[in-house]
PDB file of all heavy atoms in Angstrom:
ATOM      1  N   ALA A   1      -1.100  50.682 -21.111  1.00  0.00           N
ATOM      2  CA  ALA A   1      -1.970  51.907 -21.292  1.00  0.00           C
ATOM      3  C   ALA A   1      -1.796  52.710 -19.977  1.00  0.00           C
ATOM      4  O   ALA A   1      -2.734  52.686 -19.094  1.00  0.00           O
ATOM      5  CB  ALA A   1      -3.350  51.689 -21.750  1.00  0.00           C
ATOM      6  N   MET A   2      -0.761  53.482 -19.800  1.00  0.00           N
ATOM      7  CA  MET A   2      -0.472  54.151 -18.491  1.00  0.00           C
ATOM      8  C   MET A   2      -1.445  55.203 -18.121  1.00  0.00           C
ATOM      9  O   MET A   2      -1.633  55.619 -16.999  1.00  0.00           O
ATOM     10  CB  MET A   2       0.909  54.718 -18.493  1.00  0.00           C
ATOM     11  CG  MET A   2       2.054  53.702 -18.621  1.00  0.00           C
ATOM     12  SD  MET A   2       3.617  54.523 -18.534  1.00  0.00           S
ATOM     13  CE  MET A   2       4.757  53.151 -18.989  1.00  0.00           C
ATOM     14  N   ASN A   3      -2.215  55.664 -19.099  1.00  0.00           N
ATOM     15  CA  ASN A   3      -3.260  56.687 -18.960  1.00  0.00           C
ATOM     16  C   ASN A   3      -4.587  56.063 -18.673  1.00  0.00           C
ATOM     17  O   ASN A   3      -5.650  56.794 -18.556  1.00  0.00           O
ATOM     18  CB  ASN A   3      -3.289  57.589 -20.192  1.00  0.00           C
ATOM     19  CG  ASN A   3      -3.680  56.845 -21.451  1.00  0.00           C
ATOM     20  OD1 ASN A   3      -3.747  55.645 -21.543  1.00  0.00           O
ATOM     21  ND2 ASN A   3      -3.872  57.607 -22.539  1.00  0.00           N
ATOM     22  N   HIS A   4      -4.696  54.805 -18.543  1.00  0.00           N
ATOM     23  CA  HIS A   4      -6.007  54.131 -18.161  1.00  0.00           C
ATOM     24  C   HIS A   4      -6.526  54.674 -16.849  1.00  0.00           C
ATOM     25  O   HIS A   4      -5.728  54.693 -15.848  1.00  0.00           O
ATOM     26  CB  HIS A   4      -5.778  52.616 -18.100  1.00  0.00           C
ATOM     27  CG  HIS A   4      -7.072  51.792 -18.082  1.00  0.00           C
ATOM     28  ND1 HIS A   4      -8.004  51.823 -17.064  1.00  0.00           N
ATOM     29  CD2 HIS A   4      -7.493  51.026 -18.960  1.00  0.00           C
ATOM     30  CE1 HIS A   4      -9.026  51.070 -17.299  1.00  0.00           C
ATOM     31  NE2 HIS A   4      -8.799  50.480 -18.438  1.00  0.00           N
ATOM     32  N   PRO A   5      -7.743  55.060 -16.791  1.00  0.00           N
ATOM     33  CA  PRO A   5      -8.258  55.594 -15.588  1.00  0.00           C
ATOM     34  C   PRO A   5      -8.222  54.747 -14.258  1.00  0.00           C
ATOM     35  O   PRO A   5      -8.351  55.294 -13.192  1.00  0.00           O
ATOM     36  CB  PRO A   5      -9.741  56.057 -15.869  1.00  0.00           C
ATOM     37  CG  PRO A   5     -10.092  55.148 -17.066  1.00  0.00           C
ATOM     38  CD  PRO A   5      -8.782  54.949 -17.833  1.00  0.00           C
ATOM     39  N   ASP A   6      -8.158  53.454 -14.513  1.00  0.00           N
ATOM     40  CA  ASP A   6      -8.133  52.521 -13.393  1.00  0.00           C
ATOM     41  C   ASP A   6      -6.675  52.129 -12.893  1.00  0.00           C
ATOM     42  O   ASP A   6      -6.479  51.282 -12.120  1.00  0.00           O
ATOM     43  CB  ASP A   6      -8.923  51.241 -13.704  1.00  0.00           C
ATOM     44  CG  ASP A   6     -10.370  51.505 -13.532  1.00  0.00           C
ATOM     45  OD1 ASP A   6     -10.807  52.320 -12.703  1.00  0.00           O
ATOM     46  OD2 ASP A   6     -11.156  50.833 -14.293  1.00  0.00           O
ATOM     47  N   LEU A   7      -5.662  52.799 -13.592  1.00  0.00           N
ATOM     48  CA  LEU A   7      -4.332  52.448 -13.118  1.00  0.00           C
ATOM     49  C   LEU A   7      -3.852  53.767 -12.427  1.00  0.00           C
ATOM     50  O   LEU A   7      -4.218  54.912 -12.717  1.00  0.00           O
ATOM     51  CB  LEU A   7      -3.328  52.334 -14.315  1.00  0.00           C
ATOM     52  CG  LEU A   7      -3.524  50.996 -15.033  1.00  0.00           C
ATOM     53  CD1 LEU A   7      -2.626  50.980 -16.341  1.00  0.00           C
ATOM     54  CD2 LEU A   7      -3.090  49.839 -14.091  1.00  0.00           C
ATOM     55  N   VAL A   8      -3.040  53.512 -11.334  1.00  0.00           N
ATOM     56  CA  VAL A   8      -2.532  54.649 -10.477  1.00  0.00           C
ATOM     57  C   VAL A   8      -1.223  55.186 -11.176  1.00  0.00           C
ATOM     58  O   VAL A   8      -0.161  54.659 -10.925  1.00  0.00           O
ATOM     59  CB  VAL A   8      -2.294  54.192  -9.113  1.00  0.00           C
ATOM     60  CG1 VAL A   8      -1.846  55.313  -8.186  1.00  0.00           C
ATOM     61  CG2 VAL A   8      -3.500  53.404  -8.502  1.00  0.00           C
ATOM     62  N   SER A   9      -1.434  56.048 -12.056  1.00  0.00           N
ATOM     63  CA  SER A   9      -0.419  56.482 -12.983  1.00  0.00           C
ATOM     64  C   SER A   9       0.763  57.052 -12.295  1.00  0.00           C
ATOM     65  O   SER A   9       1.939  56.836 -12.864  1.00  0.00           O
ATOM     66  CB  SER A   9      -0.954  57.443 -13.989  1.00  0.00           C
ATOM     67  OG  SER A   9      -1.429  58.643 -13.333  1.00  0.00           O
ATOM     68  N   GLU A  10       0.627  57.625 -11.104  1.00  0.00           N
ATOM     69  CA  GLU A  10       1.827  58.263 -10.438  1.00  0.00           C
ATOM     70  C   GLU A  10       2.768  57.181  -9.924  1.00  0.00           C
ATOM     71  O   GLU A  10       3.938  57.451  -9.555  1.00  0.00           O
ATOM     72  CB  GLU A  10       1.374  59.134  -9.356  1.00  0.00           C
ATOM     73  CG  GLU A  10       0.682  58.450  -8.196  1.00  0.00           C
ATOM     74  CD  GLU A  10      -0.884  58.520  -8.443  1.00  0.00           C
ATOM     75  OE1 GLU A  10      -1.296  58.662  -9.552  1.00  0.00           O
ATOM     76  OE2 GLU A  10      -1.626  58.497  -7.390  1.00  0.00           O
ATOM     77  N   HIS A  11       2.322  55.970  -9.933  1.00  0.00           N
ATOM     78  CA  HIS A  11       3.116  54.823  -9.513  1.00  0.00           C
ATOM     79  C   HIS A  11       3.659  53.932 -10.685  1.00  0.00           C
ATOM     80  O   HIS A  11       4.212  52.783 -10.424  1.00  0.00           O
ATOM     81  CB  HIS A  11       2.405  54.011  -8.466  1.00  0.00           C
ATOM     82  CG  HIS A  11       2.289  54.735  -7.141  1.00  0.00           C
ATOM     83  ND1 HIS A  11       1.137  54.362  -6.306  1.00  0.00           N
ATOM     84  CD2 HIS A  11       2.917  55.742  -6.522  1.00  0.00           C
ATOM     85  CE1 HIS A  11       1.226  55.253  -5.317  1.00  0.00           C
ATOM     86  NE2 HIS A  11       2.275  56.033  -5.409  1.00  0.00           N
ATOM     87  N   ILE A  12       3.504  54.315 -11.826  1.00  0.00           N
ATOM     88  CA  ILE A  12       3.835  53.566 -13.053  1.00  0.00           C
ATOM     89  C   ILE A  12       4.897  54.357 -13.875  1.00  0.00           C
ATOM     90  O   ILE A  12       4.633  55.579 -14.165  1.00  0.00           O
ATOM     91  CB  ILE A  12       2.672  53.255 -13.919  1.00  0.00           C
ATOM     92  CG1 ILE A  12       1.570  52.433 -13.100  1.00  0.00           C
ATOM     93  CG2 ILE A  12       3.093  52.282 -15.076  1.00  0.00           C
ATOM     94  CD1 ILE A  12       0.373  52.156 -13.868  1.00  0.00           C
ATOM     95  N   ARG A  13       5.970  53.805 -14.216  1.00  0.00           N
ATOM     96  CA  ARG A  13       6.909  54.436 -15.063  1.00  0.00           C
ATOM     97  C   ARG A  13       7.630  53.383 -15.927  1.00  0.00           C
ATOM     98  O   ARG A  13       7.718  52.203 -15.674  1.00  0.00           O
ATOM     99  CB  ARG A  13       7.986  55.167 -14.209  1.00  0.00           C
ATOM    100  CG  ARG A  13       8.739  54.363 -13.276  1.00  0.00           C
ATOM    101  CD  ARG A  13       9.679  55.255 -12.345  1.00  0.00           C
ATOM    102  NE  ARG A  13      10.365  54.497 -11.286  1.00  0.00           N
ATOM    103  CZ  ARG A  13      11.516  53.959 -11.334  1.00  0.00           C
ATOM    104  NH1 ARG A  13      12.164  53.872 -12.618  1.00  0.00           N
ATOM    105  NH2 ARG A  13      12.110  53.282 -10.349  1.00  0.00           N
ATOM    106  N   GLY A  14       8.145  53.893 -17.079  1.00  0.00           N
ATOM    107  CA  GLY A  14       9.035  53.103 -17.958  1.00  0.00           C
ATOM    108  C   GLY A  14      10.438  53.047 -17.535  1.00  0.00           C
ATOM    109  O   GLY A  14      10.873  53.785 -16.773  1.00  0.00           O
ATOM    110  N   VAL A  15      11.141  52.006 -18.106  1.00  0.00           N
ATOM    111  CA  VAL A  15      12.569  51.926 -17.896  1.00  0.00           C
ATOM    112  C   VAL A  15      13.254  52.898 -18.766  1.00  0.00           C
ATOM    113  O   VAL A  15      13.013  52.937 -19.944  1.00  0.00           O
ATOM    114  CB  VAL A  15      13.094  50.581 -18.161  1.00  0.00           C
ATOM    115  CG1 VAL A  15      14.574  50.454 -18.143  1.00  0.00           C
ATOM    116  CG2 VAL A  15      12.446  49.478 -17.258  1.00  0.00           C
ATOM    117  N   SER A  16      14.027  53.873 -18.266  1.00  0.00           N
ATOM    118  CA  SER A  16      14.750  54.887 -19.034  1.00  0.00           C
ATOM    119  C   SER A  16      15.609  54.224 -20.090  1.00  0.00           C
ATOM    120  O   SER A  16      16.419  53.349 -19.750  1.00  0.00           O
ATOM    121  CB  SER A  16      15.448  55.831 -18.064  1.00  0.00           C
ATOM    122  OG  SER A  16      16.188  56.790 -18.826  1.00  0.00           O
ATOM    123  N   GLY A  17      15.480  54.792 -21.320  1.00  0.00           N
ATOM    124  CA  GLY A  17      16.297  54.387 -22.399  1.00  0.00           C
ATOM    125  C   GLY A  17      15.837  53.140 -23.142  1.00  0.00           C
ATOM    126  O   GLY A  17      16.457  52.785 -24.141  1.00  0.00           O
ATOM    127  N   SER A  18      14.840  52.457 -22.728  1.00  0.00           N
ATOM    128  CA  SER A  18      14.323  51.240 -23.386  1.00  0.00           C
ATOM    129  C   SER A  18      13.206  51.648 -24.248  1.00  0.00           C
ATOM    130  O   SER A  18      12.909  52.796 -24.505  1.00  0.00           O
ATOM    131  CB  SER A  18      13.920  50.205 -22.350  1.00  0.00           C
ATOM    132  OG  SER A  18      12.636  50.578 -21.773  1.00  0.00           O
ATOM    133  N   LEU A  19      12.562  50.722 -24.851  1.00  0.00           N
ATOM    134  CA  LEU A  19      11.411  50.911 -25.647  1.00  0.00           C
ATOM    135  C   LEU A  19      10.314  51.642 -24.757  1.00  0.00           C
ATOM    136  O   LEU A  19      10.277  51.395 -23.637  1.00  0.00           O
ATOM    137  CB  LEU A  19      10.757  49.591 -26.198  1.00  0.00           C
ATOM    138  CG  LEU A  19      11.671  48.772 -27.136  1.00  0.00           C
ATOM    139  CD1 LEU A  19      11.139  47.363 -27.305  1.00  0.00           C
ATOM    140  CD2 LEU A  19      11.849  49.423 -28.461  1.00  0.00           C
ATOM    141  N   SER A  20       9.528  52.397 -25.410  1.00  0.00           N
ATOM    142  CA  SER A  20       8.483  53.147 -24.720  1.00  0.00           C
ATOM    143  C   SER A  20       7.497  52.260 -23.969  1.00  0.00           C
ATOM    144  O   SER A  20       7.053  51.225 -24.585  1.00  0.00           O
ATOM    145  CB  SER A  20       7.690  54.104 -25.559  1.00  0.00           C
ATOM    146  OG  SER A  20       6.610  54.608 -24.916  1.00  0.00           O
ATOM    147  N   GLY A  21       7.268  52.478 -22.762  1.00  0.00           N
ATOM    148  CA  GLY A  21       6.332  51.584 -22.003  1.00  0.00           C
ATOM    149  C   GLY A  21       4.890  51.926 -22.195  1.00  0.00           C
ATOM    150  O   GLY A  21       3.945  51.232 -21.739  1.00  0.00           O
ATOM    151  N   MET A  22       4.637  53.035 -22.962  1.00  0.00           N
ATOM    152  CA  MET A  22       3.274  53.489 -23.203  1.00  0.00           C
ATOM    153  C   MET A  22       2.698  52.921 -24.454  1.00  0.00           C
ATOM    154  O   MET A  22       3.297  52.885 -25.501  1.00  0.00           O
ATOM    155  CB  MET A  22       3.218  55.050 -23.249  1.00  0.00           C
ATOM    156  CG  MET A  22       1.925  55.650 -23.711  1.00  0.00           C
ATOM    157  SD  MET A  22       0.617  55.404 -22.447  1.00  0.00           S
ATOM    158  CE  MET A  22       1.011  56.761 -21.358  1.00  0.00           C
ATOM    159  N   CYS A  23       1.431  52.474 -24.384  1.00  0.00           N
ATOM    160  CA  CYS A  23       0.714  51.956 -25.592  1.00  0.00           C
ATOM    161  C   CYS A  23       0.461  53.103 -26.643  1.00  0.00           C
ATOM    162  O   CYS A  23       0.123  54.180 -26.148  1.00  0.00           O
ATOM    163  CB  CYS A  23      -0.695  51.467 -25.184  1.00  0.00           C
ATOM    164  SG  CYS A  23      -0.541  49.893 -24.329  1.00  0.00           S
ATOM    165  N   THR A  24       0.596  52.789 -27.775  1.00  0.00           N
ATOM    166  CA  THR A  24       0.208  53.811 -28.906  1.00  0.00           C
ATOM    167  C   THR A  24      -0.942  53.190 -29.677  1.00  0.00           C
ATOM    168  O   THR A  24      -1.611  53.934 -30.448  1.00  0.00           O
ATOM    169  CB  THR A  24       1.336  54.071 -29.816  1.00  0.00           C
ATOM    170  OG1 THR A  24       1.809  52.876 -30.437  1.00  0.00           O
ATOM    171  CG2 THR A  24       2.477  54.691 -29.056  1.00  0.00           C
ATOM    172  N   GLN A  25      -1.173  51.896 -29.636  1.00  0.00           N
ATOM    173  CA  GLN A  25      -2.296  51.216 -30.329  1.00  0.00           C
ATOM    174  C   GLN A  25      -3.205  50.420 -29.370  1.00  0.00           C
ATOM    175  O   GLN A  25      -2.831  49.359 -28.868  1.00  0.00           O
ATOM    176  CB  GLN A  25      -1.735  50.318 -31.394  1.00  0.00           C
ATOM    177  CG  GLN A  25      -0.817  50.982 -32.425  1.00  0.00           C
ATOM    178  CD  GLN A  25      -0.223  49.947 -33.277  1.00  0.00           C
ATOM    179  OE1 GLN A  25      -0.796  48.991 -33.719  1.00  0.00           O
ATOM    180  NE2 GLN A  25       1.061  50.107 -33.614  1.00  0.00           N
ATOM    181  N   SER A  26      -4.275  51.004 -28.965  1.00  0.00           N
ATOM    182  CA  SER A  26      -5.088  50.501 -27.891  1.00  0.00           C
ATOM    183  C   SER A  26      -5.650  49.059 -28.313  1.00  0.00           C
ATOM    184  O   SER A  26      -6.037  48.308 -27.324  1.00  0.00           O
ATOM    185  CB  SER A  26      -6.219  51.428 -27.527  1.00  0.00           C
ATOM    186  OG  SER A  26      -7.086  51.621 -28.599  1.00  0.00           O
ATOM    187  N   ASP A  27      -5.810  48.771 -29.573  1.00  0.00           N
ATOM    188  CA  ASP A  27      -6.330  47.508 -29.968  1.00  0.00           C
ATOM    189  C   ASP A  27      -5.271  46.456 -30.290  1.00  0.00           C
ATOM    190  O   ASP A  27      -5.600  45.385 -30.828  1.00  0.00           O
ATOM    191  CB  ASP A  27      -7.268  47.692 -31.248  1.00  0.00           C
ATOM    192  CG  ASP A  27      -6.497  48.330 -32.386  1.00  0.00           C
ATOM    193  OD1 ASP A  27      -5.365  48.748 -32.234  1.00  0.00           O
ATOM    194  OD2 ASP A  27      -7.092  48.334 -33.566  1.00  0.00           O
ATOM    195  N   ASN A  28      -4.046  46.744 -29.927  1.00  0.00           N
ATOM    196  CA  ASN A  28      -2.957  45.804 -30.201  1.00  0.00           C
ATOM    197  C   ASN A  28      -2.852  44.744 -29.215  1.00  0.00           C
ATOM    198  O   ASN A  28      -2.971  45.002 -27.985  1.00  0.00           O
ATOM    199  CB  ASN A  28      -1.653  46.600 -30.382  1.00  0.00           C
ATOM    200  CG  ASN A  28      -0.460  45.708 -30.706  1.00  0.00           C
ATOM    201  OD1 ASN A  28       0.098  45.132 -29.856  1.00  0.00           O
ATOM    202  ND2 ASN A  28      -0.188  45.615 -32.004  1.00  0.00           N
ATOM    203  N   VAL A  29      -2.597  43.488 -29.488  1.00  0.00           N
ATOM    204  CA  VAL A  29      -2.659  42.391 -28.633  1.00  0.00           C
ATOM    205  C   VAL A  29      -1.508  42.514 -27.594  1.00  0.00           C
ATOM    206  O   VAL A  29      -1.614  42.168 -26.405  1.00  0.00           O
ATOM    207  CB  VAL A  29      -2.626  41.098 -29.324  1.00  0.00           C
ATOM    208  CG1 VAL A  29      -1.312  40.835 -30.059  1.00  0.00           C
ATOM    209  CG2 VAL A  29      -2.870  39.886 -28.400  1.00  0.00           C
ATOM    210  N   ALA A  30      -0.322  43.001 -28.012  1.00  0.00           N
ATOM    211  CA  ALA A  30       0.817  43.212 -27.053  1.00  0.00           C
ATOM    212  C   ALA A  30       0.411  44.224 -25.979  1.00  0.00           C
ATOM    213  O   ALA A  30       0.722  44.056 -24.798  1.00  0.00           O
ATOM    214  CB  ALA A  30       2.085  43.620 -27.779  1.00  0.00           C
ATOM    215  N   CYS A  31      -0.232  45.308 -26.373  1.00  0.00           N
ATOM    216  CA  CYS A  31      -0.646  46.331 -25.449  1.00  0.00           C
ATOM    217  C   CYS A  31      -1.694  45.846 -24.556  1.00  0.00           C
ATOM    218  O   CYS A  31      -1.699  46.089 -23.373  1.00  0.00           O
ATOM    219  CB  CYS A  31      -1.142  47.548 -26.269  1.00  0.00           C
ATOM    220  SG  CYS A  31      -1.445  48.983 -25.349  1.00  0.00           S
ATOM    221  N   ALA A  32      -2.702  45.060 -25.071  1.00  0.00           N
ATOM    222  CA  ALA A  32      -3.709  44.426 -24.374  1.00  0.00           C
ATOM    223  C   ALA A  32      -3.133  43.507 -23.201  1.00  0.00           C
ATOM    224  O   ALA A  32      -3.591  43.545 -22.132  1.00  0.00           O
ATOM    225  CB  ALA A  32      -4.692  43.732 -25.154  1.00  0.00           C
ATOM    226  N   HIS A  33      -2.150  42.721 -23.625  1.00  0.00           N
ATOM    227  CA  HIS A  33      -1.483  41.792 -22.673  1.00  0.00           C
ATOM    228  C   HIS A  33      -0.848  42.521 -21.489  1.00  0.00           C
ATOM    229  O   HIS A  33      -0.974  42.205 -20.358  1.00  0.00           O
ATOM    230  CB  HIS A  33      -0.558  40.854 -23.455  1.00  0.00           C
ATOM    231  CG  HIS A  33      -0.104  39.640 -22.638  1.00  0.00           C
ATOM    232  ND1 HIS A  33       0.956  39.674 -21.810  1.00  0.00           N
ATOM    233  CD2 HIS A  33      -0.597  38.411 -22.689  1.00  0.00           C
ATOM    234  CE1 HIS A  33       1.073  38.472 -21.258  1.00  0.00           C
ATOM    235  NE2 HIS A  33       0.240  37.684 -21.799  1.00  0.00           N
ATOM    236  N   GLY A  34       0.025  43.498 -21.855  1.00  0.00           N
ATOM    237  CA  GLY A  34       0.752  44.315 -20.872  1.00  0.00           C
ATOM    238  C   GLY A  34      -0.219  44.971 -19.933  1.00  0.00           C
ATOM    239  O   GLY A  34       0.014  45.030 -18.709  1.00  0.00           O
ATOM    240  N   THR A  35      -1.182  45.588 -20.462  1.00  0.00           N
ATOM    241  CA  THR A  35      -2.177  46.319 -19.570  1.00  0.00           C
ATOM    242  C   THR A  35      -3.004  45.417 -18.698  1.00  0.00           C
ATOM    243  O   THR A  35      -3.274  45.674 -17.554  1.00  0.00           O
ATOM    244  CB  THR A  35      -3.161  47.161 -20.458  1.00  0.00           C
ATOM    245  OG1 THR A  35      -2.415  48.082 -21.342  1.00  0.00           O
ATOM    246  CG2 THR A  35      -4.110  48.022 -19.639  1.00  0.00           C
ATOM    247  N   PHE A  36      -3.358  44.242 -19.254  1.00  0.00           N
ATOM    248  CA  PHE A  36      -4.026  43.200 -18.482  1.00  0.00           C
ATOM    249  C   PHE A  36      -3.218  42.799 -17.234  1.00  0.00           C
ATOM    250  O   PHE A  36      -3.696  42.769 -16.059  1.00  0.00           O
ATOM    251  CB  PHE A  36      -4.318  41.993 -19.383  1.00  0.00           C
ATOM    252  CG  PHE A  36      -4.953  40.835 -18.637  1.00  0.00           C
ATOM    253  CD1 PHE A  36      -6.345  40.716 -18.526  1.00  0.00           C
ATOM    254  CD2 PHE A  36      -4.169  39.823 -18.120  1.00  0.00           C
ATOM    255  CE1 PHE A  36      -6.909  39.611 -17.813  1.00  0.00           C
ATOM    256  CE2 PHE A  36      -4.741  38.721 -17.473  1.00  0.00           C
ATOM    257  CZ  PHE A  36      -6.064  38.611 -17.321  1.00  0.00           C
ATOM    258  N   VAL A  37      -1.910  42.483 -17.469  1.00  0.00           N
ATOM    259  CA  VAL A  37      -1.045  41.982 -16.283  1.00  0.00           C
ATOM    260  C   VAL A  37      -0.814  43.139 -15.335  1.00  0.00           C
ATOM    261  O   VAL A  37      -0.862  43.013 -14.162  1.00  0.00           O
ATOM    262  CB  VAL A  37       0.288  41.462 -16.798  1.00  0.00           C
ATOM    263  CG1 VAL A  37       1.198  41.135 -15.620  1.00  0.00           C
ATOM    264  CG2 VAL A  37       0.011  40.294 -17.741  1.00  0.00           C
ATOM    265  N   ALA A  38      -0.649  44.399 -15.956  1.00  0.00           N
ATOM    266  CA  ALA A  38      -0.521  45.646 -15.057  1.00  0.00           C
ATOM    267  C   ALA A  38      -1.664  45.826 -14.111  1.00  0.00           C
ATOM    268  O   ALA A  38      -1.587  46.136 -13.053  1.00  0.00           O
ATOM    269  CB  ALA A  38      -0.323  46.780 -15.855  1.00  0.00           C
ATOM    270  N   GLY A  39      -2.921  45.520 -14.633  1.00  0.00           N
ATOM    271  CA  GLY A  39      -4.152  45.739 -13.946  1.00  0.00           C
ATOM    272  C   GLY A  39      -4.219  44.756 -12.736  1.00  0.00           C
ATOM    273  O   GLY A  39      -4.645  45.083 -11.637  1.00  0.00           O
ATOM    274  N   ILE A  40      -3.737  43.490 -12.924  1.00  0.00           N
ATOM    275  CA  ILE A  40      -3.826  42.585 -11.830  1.00  0.00           C
ATOM    276  C   ILE A  40      -2.862  43.032 -10.772  1.00  0.00           C
ATOM    277  O   ILE A  40      -3.151  42.889  -9.528  1.00  0.00           O
ATOM    278  CB  ILE A  40      -3.310  41.139 -12.262  1.00  0.00           C
ATOM    279  CG1 ILE A  40      -4.319  40.575 -13.374  1.00  0.00           C
ATOM    280  CG2 ILE A  40      -3.094  40.161 -11.151  1.00  0.00           C
ATOM    281  CD1 ILE A  40      -3.796  39.218 -14.027  1.00  0.00           C
ATOM    282  N   LEU A  41      -1.745  43.594 -11.163  1.00  0.00           N
ATOM    283  CA  LEU A  41      -0.728  44.066 -10.128  1.00  0.00           C
ATOM    284  C   LEU A  41      -1.099  45.334  -9.541  1.00  0.00           C
ATOM    285  O   LEU A  41      -0.963  45.518  -8.282  1.00  0.00           O
ATOM    286  CB  LEU A  41       0.591  44.136 -10.764  1.00  0.00           C
ATOM    287  CG  LEU A  41       1.222  42.811 -11.053  1.00  0.00           C
ATOM    288  CD1 LEU A  41       2.460  42.997 -12.120  1.00  0.00           C
ATOM    289  CD2 LEU A  41       1.759  42.040  -9.891  1.00  0.00           C
ATOM    290  N   ALA A  42      -1.461  46.357 -10.301  1.00  0.00           N
ATOM    291  CA  ALA A  42      -1.495  47.730  -9.825  1.00  0.00           C
ATOM    292  C   ALA A  42      -2.666  48.613 -10.223  1.00  0.00           C
ATOM    293  O   ALA A  42      -2.576  49.817 -10.186  1.00  0.00           O
ATOM    294  CB  ALA A  42      -0.149  48.435 -10.409  1.00  0.00           C
ATOM    295  N   ALA A  43      -3.793  47.957 -10.473  1.00  0.00           N
ATOM    296  CA  ALA A  43      -5.025  48.804 -10.704  1.00  0.00           C
ATOM    297  C   ALA A  43      -5.495  49.375  -9.466  1.00  0.00           C
ATOM    298  O   ALA A  43      -5.115  49.019  -8.350  1.00  0.00           O
ATOM    299  CB  ALA A  43      -6.154  47.838 -11.374  1.00  0.00           C
ATOM    300  N   ARG A  44      -6.402  50.288  -9.630  1.00  0.00           N
ATOM    301  CA  ARG A  44      -7.060  50.881  -8.380  1.00  0.00           C
ATOM    302  C   ARG A  44      -7.943  49.787  -7.670  1.00  0.00           C
ATOM    303  O   ARG A  44      -8.535  49.017  -8.465  1.00  0.00           O
ATOM    304  CB  ARG A  44      -7.898  52.090  -8.770  1.00  0.00           C
ATOM    305  CG  ARG A  44      -7.136  53.272  -9.350  1.00  0.00           C
ATOM    306  CD  ARG A  44      -7.996  54.425  -9.636  1.00  0.00           C
ATOM    307  NE  ARG A  44      -7.272  55.466 -10.487  1.00  0.00           N
ATOM    308  CZ  ARG A  44      -6.459  56.345  -9.904  1.00  0.00           C
ATOM    309  NH1 ARG A  44      -6.292  56.393  -8.558  1.00  0.00           N
ATOM    310  NH2 ARG A  44      -5.822  57.214 -10.655  1.00  0.00           N
TER     311      ARG A  44
END
């Protein structure tokens, strides 16, 4: 969820040409897992 207010969005980007890195379903477990790990690494 790259638009999460606690993520520093200007330092997050997807790999060009691959699957979209942005969540489209906020209640999905894959999206929850990716956002959880991203928060450990790069949250505010």
